[in-house]
Amino acid sequence: MGEAKRRKEALGEEYGKDPYILSWLPITKTQADRFVTLTTRASWVGIGALVVIWIAVRFIGPSLGWWTVE
């Protein structure tokens, strides 16, 4: 008997299902990985937006006569 068959018999209904991070928290490991990927991507988008806004306020704004820095 192969290891996969033994594991399938031991786990029964739970075989092939994604395990939870904690037994009392209904979030699977795959969902947690996707959440980390999403928040990392969103963080980089936010950093990029911050840089664009900073360039607009610091350089483009004063050249157009807005937001003069004394």
N, C-alpha and C. Protein backbone atom coordinates (compact mmCIF):
# COMPACT_ATOMS: atom_id res chain seq x y z
N MET A 1 0.85 -1.17 0.00
CA MET A 1 0.00 0.00 0.00
C MET A 1 0.90 1.23 0.00
N GLY A 2 0.58 2.20 -0.84
CA GLY A 2 1.38 3.42 -0.94
C GLY A 2 1.05 4.42 0.15
N GLU A 3 1.95 5.36 0.28
CA GLU A 3 1.78 6.39 1.31
C GLU A 3 0.51 7.21 1.10
N ALA A 4 0.18 7.53 -0.14
CA ALA A 4 -1.01 8.33 -0.42
C ALA A 4 -2.28 7.59 -0.01
N LYS A 5 -2.32 6.29 -0.25
CA LYS A 5 -3.50 5.52 0.14
C LYS A 5 -3.62 5.44 1.65
N ARG A 6 -2.49 5.28 2.33
CA ARG A 6 -2.51 5.25 3.80
C ARG A 6 -3.01 6.59 4.35
N ARG A 7 -2.50 7.67 3.77
CA ARG A 7 -2.91 8.99 4.22
C ARG A 7 -4.39 9.21 3.97
N LYS A 8 -4.88 8.74 2.82
CA LYS A 8 -6.30 8.90 2.48
C LYS A 8 -7.18 8.13 3.46
N GLU A 9 -6.76 6.94 3.82
CA GLU A 9 -7.52 6.14 4.79
C GLU A 9 -7.49 6.78 6.18
N ALA A 10 -6.34 7.35 6.55
CA ALA A 10 -6.21 7.95 7.87
C ALA A 10 -7.03 9.23 8.00
N LEU A 11 -7.04 10.05 6.94
CA LEU A 11 -7.74 11.32 7.00
C LEU A 11 -9.22 11.21 6.69
N GLY A 12 -9.60 10.26 5.88
CA GLY A 12 -11.01 10.05 5.55
C GLY A 12 -11.59 11.22 4.76
N GLU A 13 -12.61 11.86 5.31
CA GLU A 13 -13.29 12.98 4.64
C GLU A 13 -12.40 14.20 4.47
N GLU A 14 -11.42 14.36 5.32
CA GLU A 14 -10.55 15.54 5.29
C GLU A 14 -9.44 15.44 4.25
N TYR A 15 -9.33 14.31 3.57
CA TYR A 15 -8.26 14.11 2.59
C TYR A 15 -8.44 15.05 1.40
N GLY A 16 -7.39 15.77 1.06
CA GLY A 16 -7.41 16.67 -0.08
C GLY A 16 -7.95 18.05 0.22
N LYS A 17 -8.45 18.29 1.41
CA LYS A 17 -8.96 19.61 1.78
C LYS A 17 -7.82 20.45 2.32
N ASP A 18 -7.94 21.75 2.11
CA ASP A 18 -6.93 22.68 2.58
C ASP A 18 -7.00 22.78 4.11
N PRO A 19 -5.89 22.64 4.82
CA PRO A 19 -5.93 22.73 6.28
C PRO A 19 -6.12 24.17 6.75
N TYR A 20 -6.75 24.33 7.91
CA TYR A 20 -6.92 25.64 8.51
C TYR A 20 -5.64 26.07 9.20
N ILE A 21 -5.44 27.39 9.31
CA ILE A 21 -4.27 27.91 10.02
C ILE A 21 -4.36 27.54 11.50
N LEU A 22 -5.51 27.85 12.08
CA LEU A 22 -5.81 27.47 13.46
C LEU A 22 -7.13 26.73 13.46
N SER A 23 -7.29 25.81 14.37
CA SER A 23 -8.50 24.99 14.37
C SER A 23 -9.77 25.82 14.61
N TRP A 24 -9.67 26.91 15.35
CA TRP A 24 -10.84 27.72 15.66
C TRP A 24 -11.02 28.90 14.71
N LEU A 25 -10.10 29.09 13.75
CA LEU A 25 -10.17 30.20 12.80
C LEU A 25 -10.44 29.64 11.40
N PRO A 26 -11.59 29.97 10.80
CA PRO A 26 -11.95 29.37 9.51
C PRO A 26 -11.24 30.00 8.31
N ILE A 27 -9.92 30.08 8.37
CA ILE A 27 -9.12 30.61 7.26
C ILE A 27 -8.11 29.54 6.88
N THR A 28 -8.12 29.16 5.60
CA THR A 28 -7.19 28.13 5.15
C THR A 28 -5.84 28.74 4.82
N LYS A 29 -4.85 27.90 4.65
CA LYS A 29 -3.51 28.37 4.33
C LYS A 29 -3.47 29.03 2.95
N THR A 30 -4.24 28.52 2.01
CA THR A 30 -4.29 29.12 0.68
C THR A 30 -4.89 30.52 0.74
N GLN A 31 -5.95 30.69 1.53
CA GLN A 31 -6.56 32.01 1.68
C GLN A 31 -5.58 32.99 2.33
N ALA A 32 -4.82 32.52 3.30
CA ALA A 32 -3.85 33.37 3.96
C ALA A 32 -2.75 33.79 2.99
N ASP A 33 -2.29 32.87 2.16
CA ASP A 33 -1.27 33.20 1.17
C ASP A 33 -1.78 34.23 0.16
N ARG A 34 -3.03 34.06 -0.29
CA ARG A 34 -3.61 35.02 -1.23
C ARG A 34 -3.78 36.39 -0.58
N PHE A 35 -4.12 36.43 0.71
CA PHE A 35 -4.26 37.69 1.43
C PHE A 35 -2.92 38.41 1.52
N VAL A 36 -1.86 37.68 1.81
CA VAL A 36 -0.53 38.28 1.89
C VAL A 36 -0.12 38.82 0.53
N THR A 37 -0.38 38.07 -0.54
CA THR A 37 -0.05 38.53 -1.89
C THR A 37 -0.82 39.79 -2.24
N LEU A 38 -2.11 39.82 -1.93
CA LEU A 38 -2.95 40.98 -2.23
C LEU A 38 -2.49 42.21 -1.46
N THR A 39 -2.22 42.06 -0.18
CA THR A 39 -1.82 43.22 0.62
C THR A 39 -0.43 43.73 0.23
N THR A 40 0.45 42.82 -0.17
CA THR A 40 1.77 43.25 -0.64
C THR A 40 1.63 44.06 -1.93
N ARG A 41 0.82 43.58 -2.86
CA ARG A 41 0.60 44.31 -4.11
C ARG A 41 -0.05 45.66 -3.83
N ALA A 42 -1.04 45.70 -2.95
CA ALA A 42 -1.70 46.95 -2.61
C ALA A 42 -0.73 47.93 -1.95
N SER A 43 0.18 47.43 -1.16
CA SER A 43 1.18 48.29 -0.53
C SER A 43 2.07 48.95 -1.57
N TRP A 44 2.50 48.19 -2.56
CA TRP A 44 3.34 48.75 -3.62
C TRP A 44 2.59 49.77 -4.45
N VAL A 45 1.30 49.52 -4.70
CA VAL A 45 0.48 50.51 -5.42
C VAL A 45 0.38 51.79 -4.60
N GLY A 46 0.18 51.66 -3.30
CA GLY A 46 0.11 52.83 -2.42
C GLY A 46 1.41 53.61 -2.39
N ILE A 47 2.54 52.91 -2.37
CA ILE A 47 3.85 53.58 -2.38
C ILE A 47 4.03 54.33 -3.69
N GLY A 48 3.63 53.70 -4.80
CA GLY A 48 3.72 54.36 -6.10
C GLY A 48 2.85 55.61 -6.17
N ALA A 49 1.63 55.51 -5.64
CA ALA A 49 0.74 56.67 -5.63
C ALA A 49 1.31 57.79 -4.76
N LEU A 50 1.91 57.43 -3.65
CA LEU A 50 2.53 58.42 -2.77
C LEU A 50 3.66 59.15 -3.48
N VAL A 51 4.48 58.43 -4.23
CA VAL A 51 5.58 59.04 -4.99
C VAL A 51 5.03 59.99 -6.05
N VAL A 52 3.99 59.56 -6.77
CA VAL A 52 3.40 60.41 -7.81
C VAL A 52 2.83 61.69 -7.20
N ILE A 53 2.11 61.57 -6.10
CA ILE A 53 1.54 62.75 -5.44
C ILE A 53 2.65 63.66 -4.91
N TRP A 54 3.71 63.07 -4.36
CA TRP A 54 4.82 63.86 -3.85
C TRP A 54 5.49 64.65 -4.98
N ILE A 55 5.70 64.02 -6.13
CA ILE A 55 6.29 64.71 -7.28
C ILE A 55 5.38 65.85 -7.74
N ALA A 56 4.09 65.61 -7.77
CA ALA A 56 3.15 66.66 -8.19
C ALA A 56 3.18 67.84 -7.23
N VAL A 57 3.18 67.56 -5.96
CA VAL A 57 3.17 68.65 -4.96
C VAL A 57 4.52 69.36 -4.92
N ARG A 58 5.59 68.63 -5.00
CA ARG A 58 6.93 69.21 -4.82
C ARG A 58 7.44 69.92 -6.07
N PHE A 59 7.20 69.38 -7.26
CA PHE A 59 7.80 69.94 -8.46
C PHE A 59 6.79 70.57 -9.42
N ILE A 60 5.72 69.86 -9.72
CA ILE A 60 4.77 70.35 -10.71
C ILE A 60 3.94 71.50 -10.15
N GLY A 61 3.51 71.38 -8.91
CA GLY A 61 2.71 72.42 -8.28
C GLY A 61 3.39 73.77 -8.25
N PRO A 62 4.61 73.89 -7.72
CA PRO A 62 5.28 75.19 -7.70
C PRO A 62 5.56 75.76 -9.10
N SER A 63 5.80 74.90 -10.07
CA SER A 63 6.06 75.41 -11.42
C SER A 63 4.80 76.01 -12.04
N LEU A 64 3.63 75.60 -11.58
CA LEU A 64 2.38 76.16 -12.06
C LEU A 64 1.88 77.30 -11.16
N GLY A 65 2.62 77.59 -10.11
CA GLY A 65 2.23 78.67 -9.22
C GLY A 65 1.40 78.21 -8.03
N TRP A 66 1.22 76.91 -7.86
CA TRP A 66 0.48 76.39 -6.73
C TRP A 66 1.44 76.00 -5.63
N TRP A 67 0.98 75.96 -4.44
CA TRP A 67 1.71 75.41 -3.29
C TRP A 67 3.16 75.93 -3.22
N THR A 68 3.34 77.19 -3.26
CA THR A 68 4.71 77.73 -3.23
C THR A 68 5.33 77.47 -1.87
N VAL A 69 6.58 77.09 -1.89
CA VAL A 69 7.33 76.83 -0.67
C VAL A 69 8.29 77.98 -0.46
N GLU A 70 8.24 78.60 0.70
CA GLU A 70 9.09 79.75 0.96
C GLU A 70 10.27 79.38 1.80
